[in-house]
Amino acid sequence: MLTSRQRAYLRGLGNELDPVFQIGKGGLSEEILNQLDAVLEARELIKVKVLKSCLDDPGELADEIASALDSDVVQKIGRTFLLYRPAREPQIELP
């Protein structure tokens, strides 16, 4: 669980990130979850965009992904959200 100070720090880092993943009309699949898991392990903080063609609610999708991957939703803005999970060898040092 992240503190508000840690969330604010991660939001600042996330402003500069481009979306790594786009979830489209296919919705959430096991393959996408596996890819997100691998990228989270490599980068720790990622931005995901939900396209308009996806019928799922972006907020619910973010929460579902976070619980499946044991990560935290740092921020949700419109159809874009930030996910954070510390790696085995952390690269981001939280305040």
N, C-alpha and C. Protein backbone atom coordinates (compact mmCIF):
# COMPACT_ATOMS: atom_id res chain seq x y z
N MET A 1 0.84 -1.18 0.00
CA MET A 1 0.00 0.00 0.00
C MET A 1 0.88 1.25 0.00
N LEU A 2 0.58 2.17 -0.87
CA LEU A 2 1.36 3.39 -1.01
C LEU A 2 0.79 4.51 -0.16
N THR A 3 1.67 5.34 0.36
CA THR A 3 1.23 6.52 1.08
C THR A 3 0.92 7.63 0.07
N SER A 4 0.26 8.69 0.51
CA SER A 4 -0.08 9.78 -0.40
C SER A 4 1.18 10.47 -0.94
N ARG A 5 2.21 10.53 -0.12
CA ARG A 5 3.47 11.13 -0.55
C ARG A 5 4.13 10.29 -1.66
N GLN A 6 4.09 8.98 -1.49
CA GLN A 6 4.66 8.09 -2.51
C GLN A 6 3.86 8.16 -3.81
N ARG A 7 2.53 8.22 -3.68
CA ARG A 7 1.68 8.36 -4.87
C ARG A 7 2.01 9.64 -5.63
N ALA A 8 2.15 10.74 -4.89
CA ALA A 8 2.46 12.02 -5.52
C ALA A 8 3.80 11.94 -6.25
N TYR A 9 4.79 11.30 -5.64
CA TYR A 9 6.10 11.14 -6.26
C TYR A 9 5.98 10.32 -7.56
N LEU A 10 5.23 9.22 -7.50
CA LEU A 10 5.07 8.36 -8.67
C LEU A 10 4.26 9.05 -9.77
N ARG A 11 3.27 9.85 -9.39
CA ARG A 11 2.51 10.61 -10.39
C ARG A 11 3.43 11.58 -11.14
N GLY A 12 4.34 12.19 -10.40
CA GLY A 12 5.31 13.09 -11.03
C GLY A 12 6.19 12.36 -12.03
N LEU A 13 6.63 11.16 -11.68
CA LEU A 13 7.43 10.35 -12.61
C LEU A 13 6.59 9.90 -13.81
N GLY A 14 5.32 9.62 -13.56
CA GLY A 14 4.44 9.11 -14.61
C GLY A 14 4.04 10.14 -15.64
N ASN A 15 4.15 11.43 -15.29
CA ASN A 15 3.78 12.48 -16.25
C ASN A 15 4.60 12.40 -17.52
N GLU A 16 5.83 11.99 -17.41
CA GLU A 16 6.74 11.96 -18.56
C GLU A 16 6.63 10.67 -19.37
N LEU A 17 5.92 9.68 -18.84
CA LEU A 17 5.83 8.38 -19.51
C LEU A 17 4.81 8.39 -20.64
N ASP A 18 5.11 7.64 -21.67
CA ASP A 18 4.14 7.36 -22.73
C ASP A 18 3.47 6.04 -22.41
N PRO A 19 2.22 5.86 -22.85
CA PRO A 19 1.56 4.57 -22.59
C PRO A 19 2.33 3.40 -23.21
N VAL A 20 2.57 2.38 -22.40
CA VAL A 20 3.30 1.19 -22.85
C VAL A 20 2.33 0.21 -23.48
N PHE A 21 1.11 0.17 -22.96
CA PHE A 21 0.10 -0.76 -23.44
C PHE A 21 -1.17 -0.02 -23.82
N GLN A 22 -1.88 -0.57 -24.81
CA GLN A 22 -3.20 -0.10 -25.16
C GLN A 22 -4.13 -1.30 -25.14
N ILE A 23 -5.23 -1.16 -24.42
CA ILE A 23 -6.21 -2.24 -24.35
C ILE A 23 -7.38 -1.85 -25.23
N GLY A 24 -7.67 -2.69 -26.21
CA GLY A 24 -8.70 -2.38 -27.20
C GLY A 24 -9.95 -3.22 -27.04
N LYS A 25 -10.61 -3.47 -28.17
CA LYS A 25 -11.92 -4.13 -28.14
C LYS A 25 -11.85 -5.57 -27.64
N GLY A 26 -10.68 -6.16 -27.67
CA GLY A 26 -10.54 -7.52 -27.16
C GLY A 26 -10.63 -7.58 -25.64
N GLY A 27 -10.47 -6.44 -24.99
CA GLY A 27 -10.55 -6.39 -23.53
C GLY A 27 -9.32 -7.01 -22.88
N LEU A 28 -9.51 -7.43 -21.66
CA LEU A 28 -8.41 -7.99 -20.88
C LEU A 28 -8.33 -9.50 -21.10
N SER A 29 -7.15 -9.97 -21.47
CA SER A 29 -6.95 -11.40 -21.69
C SER A 29 -5.76 -11.87 -20.85
N GLU A 30 -5.61 -13.16 -20.77
CA GLU A 30 -4.48 -13.74 -20.03
C GLU A 30 -3.16 -13.34 -20.66
N GLU A 31 -3.13 -13.25 -21.99
CA GLU A 31 -1.91 -12.85 -22.69
C GLU A 31 -1.50 -11.42 -22.32
N ILE A 32 -2.46 -10.50 -22.27
CA ILE A 32 -2.17 -9.12 -21.90
C ILE A 32 -1.68 -9.06 -20.46
N LEU A 33 -2.30 -9.82 -19.56
CA LEU A 33 -1.86 -9.84 -18.17
C LEU A 33 -0.42 -10.34 -18.05
N ASN A 34 -0.07 -11.37 -18.81
CA ASN A 34 1.31 -11.88 -18.79
C ASN A 34 2.31 -10.84 -19.29
N GLN A 35 1.93 -10.12 -20.35
CA GLN A 35 2.82 -9.08 -20.89
C GLN A 35 2.96 -7.92 -19.90
N LEU A 36 1.84 -7.52 -19.29
CA LEU A 36 1.88 -6.45 -18.29
C LEU A 36 2.76 -6.84 -17.11
N ASP A 37 2.66 -8.10 -16.71
CA ASP A 37 3.47 -8.60 -15.59
C ASP A 37 4.96 -8.49 -15.91
N ALA A 38 5.33 -8.87 -17.11
CA ALA A 38 6.75 -8.81 -17.52
C ALA A 38 7.25 -7.36 -17.59
N VAL A 39 6.42 -6.46 -18.11
CA VAL A 39 6.83 -5.07 -18.23
C VAL A 39 6.90 -4.41 -16.85
N LEU A 40 5.98 -4.74 -15.96
CA LEU A 40 6.03 -4.21 -14.59
C LEU A 40 7.30 -4.65 -13.88
N GLU A 41 7.72 -5.87 -14.10
CA GLU A 41 8.94 -6.37 -13.46
C GLU A 41 10.16 -5.60 -14.00
N ALA A 42 10.12 -5.25 -15.27
CA ALA A 42 11.26 -4.56 -15.88
C ALA A 42 11.29 -3.07 -15.55
N ARG A 43 10.11 -2.43 -15.52
CA ARG A 43 10.06 -0.96 -15.39
C ARG A 43 9.52 -0.45 -14.07
N GLU A 44 8.74 -1.22 -13.38
CA GLU A 44 8.11 -0.87 -12.10
C GLU A 44 6.94 0.09 -12.24
N LEU A 45 7.03 1.11 -13.06
CA LEU A 45 5.96 2.09 -13.23
C LEU A 45 5.60 2.15 -14.71
N ILE A 46 4.33 1.86 -15.03
CA ILE A 46 3.91 1.87 -16.43
C ILE A 46 2.60 2.62 -16.58
N LYS A 47 2.41 3.13 -17.78
CA LYS A 47 1.16 3.83 -18.13
C LYS A 47 0.41 2.96 -19.14
N VAL A 48 -0.89 2.78 -18.90
CA VAL A 48 -1.73 1.95 -19.76
C VAL A 48 -2.90 2.79 -20.25
N LYS A 49 -3.22 2.68 -21.52
CA LYS A 49 -4.33 3.42 -22.11
C LYS A 49 -5.41 2.42 -22.55
N VAL A 50 -6.65 2.75 -22.23
CA VAL A 50 -7.79 1.94 -22.65
C VAL A 50 -8.44 2.67 -23.83
N LEU A 51 -8.47 2.02 -24.97
CA LEU A 51 -9.03 2.64 -26.17
C LEU A 51 -10.55 2.73 -26.09
N LYS A 52 -11.12 3.63 -26.88
CA LYS A 52 -12.58 3.82 -26.88
C LYS A 52 -13.31 2.59 -27.38
N SER A 53 -12.63 1.76 -28.16
CA SER A 53 -13.27 0.55 -28.69
C SER A 53 -13.46 -0.51 -27.61
N CYS A 54 -12.79 -0.36 -26.46
CA CYS A 54 -12.94 -1.31 -25.36
C CYS A 54 -14.22 -0.98 -24.61
N LEU A 55 -15.08 -1.98 -24.43
CA LEU A 55 -16.37 -1.77 -23.79
C LEU A 55 -16.29 -1.77 -22.27
N ASP A 56 -15.17 -2.21 -21.71
CA ASP A 56 -15.01 -2.27 -20.25
C ASP A 56 -14.76 -0.87 -19.69
N ASP A 57 -15.18 -0.66 -18.45
CA ASP A 57 -14.93 0.60 -17.76
C ASP A 57 -13.44 0.69 -17.42
N PRO A 58 -12.77 1.78 -17.80
CA PRO A 58 -11.33 1.89 -17.54
C PRO A 58 -10.96 1.82 -16.06
N GLY A 59 -11.78 2.39 -15.20
CA GLY A 59 -11.49 2.36 -13.77
C GLY A 59 -11.56 0.95 -13.21
N GLU A 60 -12.59 0.22 -13.59
CA GLU A 60 -12.73 -1.16 -13.14
C GLU A 60 -11.63 -2.04 -13.72
N LEU A 61 -11.26 -1.76 -14.96
CA LEU A 61 -10.19 -2.51 -15.62
C LEU A 61 -8.86 -2.30 -14.89
N ALA A 62 -8.59 -1.06 -14.48
CA ALA A 62 -7.36 -0.75 -13.75
C ALA A 62 -7.32 -1.51 -12.42
N ASP A 63 -8.44 -1.51 -11.70
CA ASP A 63 -8.50 -2.23 -10.42
C ASP A 63 -8.35 -3.73 -10.60
N GLU A 64 -8.94 -4.26 -11.66
CA GLU A 64 -8.86 -5.69 -11.95
C GLU A 64 -7.41 -6.10 -12.27
N ILE A 65 -6.74 -5.30 -13.08
CA ILE A 65 -5.35 -5.58 -13.43
C ILE A 65 -4.47 -5.49 -12.19
N ALA A 66 -4.68 -4.46 -11.38
CA ALA A 66 -3.87 -4.26 -10.18
C ALA A 66 -4.00 -5.44 -9.22
N SER A 67 -5.22 -5.94 -9.03
CA SER A 67 -5.39 -7.07 -8.11
C SER A 67 -4.81 -8.35 -8.70
N ALA A 68 -4.91 -8.52 -10.02
CA ALA A 68 -4.38 -9.73 -10.65
C ALA A 68 -2.85 -9.76 -10.63
N LEU A 69 -2.21 -8.59 -10.69
CA LEU A 69 -0.75 -8.51 -10.77
C LEU A 69 -0.11 -8.08 -9.46
N ASP A 70 -0.91 -7.96 -8.42
CA ASP A 70 -0.40 -7.56 -7.10
C ASP A 70 0.36 -6.23 -7.19
N SER A 71 -0.27 -5.26 -7.86
CA SER A 71 0.33 -3.95 -8.03
C SER A 71 -0.62 -2.88 -7.49
N ASP A 72 -0.20 -1.63 -7.55
CA ASP A 72 -1.00 -0.51 -7.07
C ASP A 72 -1.37 0.39 -8.23
N VAL A 73 -2.62 0.87 -8.24
CA VAL A 73 -3.03 1.89 -9.19
C VAL A 73 -2.61 3.23 -8.59
N VAL A 74 -1.72 3.91 -9.26
CA VAL A 74 -1.21 5.19 -8.76
C VAL A 74 -2.16 6.31 -9.13
N GLN A 75 -2.67 6.28 -10.36
CA GLN A 75 -3.49 7.38 -10.85
C GLN A 75 -4.39 6.88 -11.97
N LYS A 76 -5.62 7.43 -12.00
CA LYS A 76 -6.55 7.17 -13.10
C LYS A 76 -7.00 8.52 -13.63
N ILE A 77 -6.78 8.74 -14.90
CA ILE A 77 -7.26 9.95 -15.56
C ILE A 77 -7.92 9.54 -16.87
N GLY A 78 -9.22 9.71 -16.94
CA GLY A 78 -9.94 9.35 -18.14
C GLY A 78 -9.76 7.88 -18.48
N ARG A 79 -9.18 7.63 -19.62
CA ARG A 79 -8.97 6.25 -20.07
C ARG A 79 -7.52 5.81 -19.90
N THR A 80 -6.76 6.54 -19.11
CA THR A 80 -5.34 6.23 -18.89
C THR A 80 -5.10 6.03 -17.39
N PHE A 81 -4.27 5.05 -17.06
CA PHE A 81 -3.94 4.84 -15.65
C PHE A 81 -2.49 4.41 -15.50
N LEU A 82 -1.95 4.68 -14.30
CA LEU A 82 -0.58 4.32 -13.95
C LEU A 82 -0.59 3.15 -12.99
N LEU A 83 0.28 2.18 -13.22
CA LEU A 83 0.44 1.03 -12.33
C LEU A 83 1.86 1.02 -11.79
N TYR A 84 1.98 0.64 -10.52
CA TYR A 84 3.30 0.53 -9.90
C TYR A 84 3.39 -0.78 -9.12
N ARG A 85 4.52 -1.43 -9.30
CA ARG A 85 4.86 -2.61 -8.50
C ARG A 85 6.38 -2.67 -8.38
N PRO A 86 6.90 -2.69 -7.15
CA PRO A 86 8.36 -2.76 -7.02
C PRO A 86 8.90 -4.06 -7.58
N ALA A 87 10.03 -3.96 -8.25
CA ALA A 87 10.68 -5.14 -8.83
C ALA A 87 11.49 -5.86 -7.76
N ARG A 88 12.00 -7.02 -8.11
CA ARG A 88 12.86 -7.76 -7.16
C ARG A 88 14.10 -6.94 -6.82
N GLU A 89 14.61 -6.22 -7.81
CA GLU A 89 15.72 -5.29 -7.61
C GLU A 89 15.20 -3.89 -7.97
N PRO A 90 14.65 -3.17 -6.97
CA PRO A 90 13.98 -1.89 -7.25
C PRO A 90 14.88 -0.85 -7.93
N GLN A 91 14.30 -0.18 -8.92
CA GLN A 91 15.00 0.89 -9.62
C GLN A 91 14.51 2.25 -9.12
N ILE A 92 13.25 2.33 -8.71
CA ILE A 92 12.66 3.56 -8.22
C ILE A 92 12.74 3.57 -6.71
N GLU A 93 13.35 4.61 -6.16
CA GLU A 93 13.46 4.74 -4.72
C GLU A 93 12.36 5.67 -4.23
N LEU A 94 11.42 5.11 -3.47
CA LEU A 94 10.28 5.89 -2.99
C LEU A 94 10.67 6.73 -1.77
N PRO A 95 10.05 7.93 -1.64
CA PRO A 95 10.34 8.76 -0.46
C PRO A 95 9.76 8.17 0.81
